Amino acid sequence: MNTWLTFSALKIPLSFPLDKRVPIVLGSLIIITLFVIIISLCQGETFINPIEVSQIILGLDTNNIEDAFIIKTLRLPRTLIAWLVGAGLAIAGTITQGITRNPLAAPSIIGVNAGAVLAVVSLLILVPSSSMEIVPIAAFLGD
């Protein structure tokens, strides 16, 4: 039983086999993610109906301007940033696992934590009067 799909581009000499289950799993995960995003946009001090949230996201006309303001200005940017940060952390973890070829890899394996700690401690010892706003920048530069 052949469980592979082969994709090949017409103009670019590129082809790769893909398991037939991959599009089904990816499609399911995308649908679940969109559903969870809509549910998270409904929650808050003011509950907004999921159908109205969907209409606001799709740009359809709703009679409630306040709900559109709440969704577009307050909740949607936070939700999208949270989703992007989670995706970025997942990609960083996958890259770390791929580089080390270790499924249990952590940032401490490649010395990321040690570099950040060294930079912060060096800053605090060498410049004791520095403000706390500089500490995250030093940790980032120490990576």
Protein backbone atom coordinates (compact mmCIF):
# COMPACT_ATOMS: atom_id res chain seq x y z
CA MET A 1 0.00 0.00 0.00
CA ASN A 2 1.50 3.30 -1.14
CA THR A 3 0.98 6.02 1.48
CA TRP A 4 3.10 8.67 -0.23
CA LEU A 5 2.17 11.62 -2.42
CA THR A 6 4.80 13.06 -4.75
CA PHE A 7 4.77 16.78 -5.40
CA SER A 8 6.75 18.19 -8.29
CA ALA A 9 6.89 21.73 -9.60
CA LEU A 10 6.49 22.43 -13.30
CA LYS A 11 9.09 25.18 -13.70
CA ILE A 12 11.43 24.41 -10.81
CA PRO A 13 13.27 21.08 -10.77
CA LEU A 14 11.99 20.14 -7.31
CA SER A 15 10.03 17.14 -6.12
CA PHE A 16 9.54 15.54 -2.74
CA PRO A 17 7.52 12.68 -1.34
CA LEU A 18 4.91 13.49 1.27
CA ASP A 19 3.00 11.09 3.46
CA LYS A 20 -0.74 11.14 2.60
CA ARG A 21 -1.62 11.78 6.24
CA VAL A 22 0.34 15.04 6.43
CA PRO A 23 -2.21 17.27 4.61
CA ILE A 24 -5.02 15.82 6.73
CA VAL A 25 -3.15 16.40 10.00
CA LEU A 26 -2.02 19.91 9.00
CA GLY A 27 -5.53 20.85 7.86
CA SER A 28 -6.99 19.57 11.12
CA LEU A 29 -4.44 21.50 13.17
CA ILE A 30 -5.12 24.71 11.24
CA ILE A 31 -8.87 24.35 11.80
CA ILE A 32 -8.36 23.67 15.51
CA THR A 33 -6.01 26.65 15.80
CA LEU A 34 -8.51 29.00 14.13
CA PHE A 35 -11.29 27.68 16.38
CA VAL A 36 -9.18 28.27 19.52
CA ILE A 37 -8.22 31.77 18.34
CA ILE A 38 -11.89 32.68 17.84
CA ILE A 39 -12.81 31.27 21.25
CA SER A 40 -9.98 33.25 22.88
CA LEU A 41 -11.19 36.43 21.17
CA CYS A 42 -14.65 35.88 22.67
CA GLN A 43 -13.34 35.78 26.24
CA GLY A 44 -12.75 38.88 28.29
CA GLU A 45 -14.53 41.39 30.45
CA THR A 46 -17.20 41.60 27.76
CA PHE A 47 -18.18 38.30 26.19
CA ILE A 48 -18.67 38.58 22.44
CA ASN A 49 -20.54 35.96 20.45
CA PRO A 50 -18.22 33.71 18.37
CA ILE A 51 -20.30 34.33 15.25
CA GLU A 52 -19.93 38.09 15.71
CA VAL A 53 -16.18 37.66 16.28
CA SER A 54 -15.94 35.72 13.02
CA GLN A 55 -17.87 38.44 11.20
CA ILE A 56 -15.59 41.14 12.60
CA ILE A 57 -12.44 39.24 11.61
CA LEU A 58 -13.76 38.64 8.09
CA GLY A 59 -14.67 42.34 7.75
CA LEU A 60 -18.41 41.79 7.50
CA ASP A 61 -20.74 44.51 8.69
CA THR A 62 -21.89 44.26 12.30
CA ASN A 63 -24.16 46.72 14.04
CA ASN A 64 -22.04 46.90 17.18
CA ILE A 65 -19.11 49.29 16.77
CA GLU A 66 -17.89 48.77 20.33
CA ASP A 67 -17.39 45.03 19.82
CA ALA A 68 -15.51 45.66 16.58
CA PHE A 69 -13.24 48.10 18.43
CA ILE A 70 -12.63 45.61 21.25
CA ILE A 71 -11.77 42.79 18.84
CA LYS A 72 -9.67 44.73 16.32
CA THR A 73 -7.83 47.04 18.69
CA LEU A 74 -7.50 45.15 21.96
CA ARG A 75 -7.91 41.41 21.62
CA LEU A 76 -6.78 40.47 18.10
CA PRO A 77 -3.28 42.01 18.29
CA ARG A 78 -2.60 40.30 21.64
CA THR A 79 -3.87 36.96 20.39
CA LEU A 80 -1.84 37.13 17.18
CA ILE A 81 1.32 38.13 19.07
CA ALA A 82 0.80 35.24 21.50
CA TRP A 83 0.34 32.85 18.57
CA LEU A 84 3.46 34.16 16.81
CA VAL A 85 5.56 33.91 19.99
CA GLY A 86 4.40 30.33 20.50
CA ALA A 87 5.22 29.47 16.90
CA GLY A 88 8.64 31.10 17.24
CA LEU A 89 9.41 29.13 20.39
CA ALA A 90 8.31 25.92 18.69
CA ILE A 91 10.55 26.61 15.71
CA ALA A 92 13.49 27.48 17.98
CA GLY A 93 13.00 24.25 19.90
CA THR A 94 12.80 22.25 16.70
CA ILE A 95 16.00 23.83 15.39
CA THR A 96 17.77 23.11 18.68
CA GLN A 97 16.62 19.49 18.57
CA GLY A 98 17.70 19.20 14.93
CA ILE A 99 21.14 20.69 15.52
CA THR A 100 21.89 18.49 18.50
CA ARG A 101 20.01 15.46 17.11
CA ASN A 102 18.54 15.05 20.55
CA PRO A 103 14.73 14.96 20.99
CA LEU A 104 15.15 16.14 24.59
CA ALA A 105 17.41 19.08 23.76
CA ALA A 106 17.22 22.22 25.85
CA PRO A 107 18.80 25.67 25.38
CA SER A 108 21.37 24.86 28.08
CA ILE A 109 22.90 22.18 25.84
CA ILE A 110 24.30 24.73 23.38
CA GLY A 111 25.18 27.27 26.07
CA VAL A 112 22.44 29.82 25.49
CA ASN A 113 21.57 30.05 29.18
CA ALA A 114 25.22 30.29 30.22
CA GLY A 115 25.93 33.15 27.81
CA ALA A 116 22.91 35.11 28.95
CA VAL A 117 23.75 34.62 32.61
CA LEU A 118 27.37 35.64 32.02
CA ALA A 119 26.31 38.86 30.28
CA VAL A 120 23.82 39.80 33.03
CA VAL A 121 26.23 39.05 35.88
CA SER A 122 29.01 40.95 34.11
CA LEU A 123 26.73 43.95 33.64
CA LEU A 124 25.63 43.93 37.28
CA ILE A 125 29.20 43.63 38.58
CA LEU A 126 30.88 46.07 36.18
CA VAL A 127 28.08 48.68 36.16
CA PRO A 128 26.21 48.34 39.48
CA SER A 129 24.27 51.57 38.92
CA SER A 130 22.67 50.30 35.68
CA SER A 131 18.89 50.29 35.50
CA MET A 132 16.84 47.12 35.36
CA GLU A 133 15.63 47.94 31.84
CA ILE A 134 19.10 47.13 30.50
CA VAL A 135 19.25 43.63 32.05
CA PRO A 136 17.06 41.90 29.38
CA ILE A 137 19.06 43.62 26.64
CA ALA A 138 22.30 42.33 28.18
CA ALA A 139 20.84 38.82 28.42
CA PHE A 140 19.80 38.97 24.77
CA LEU A 141 23.24 40.14 23.69
CA GLY A 142 24.85 37.41 25.79
CA ASP A 143 23.09 34.73 23.78
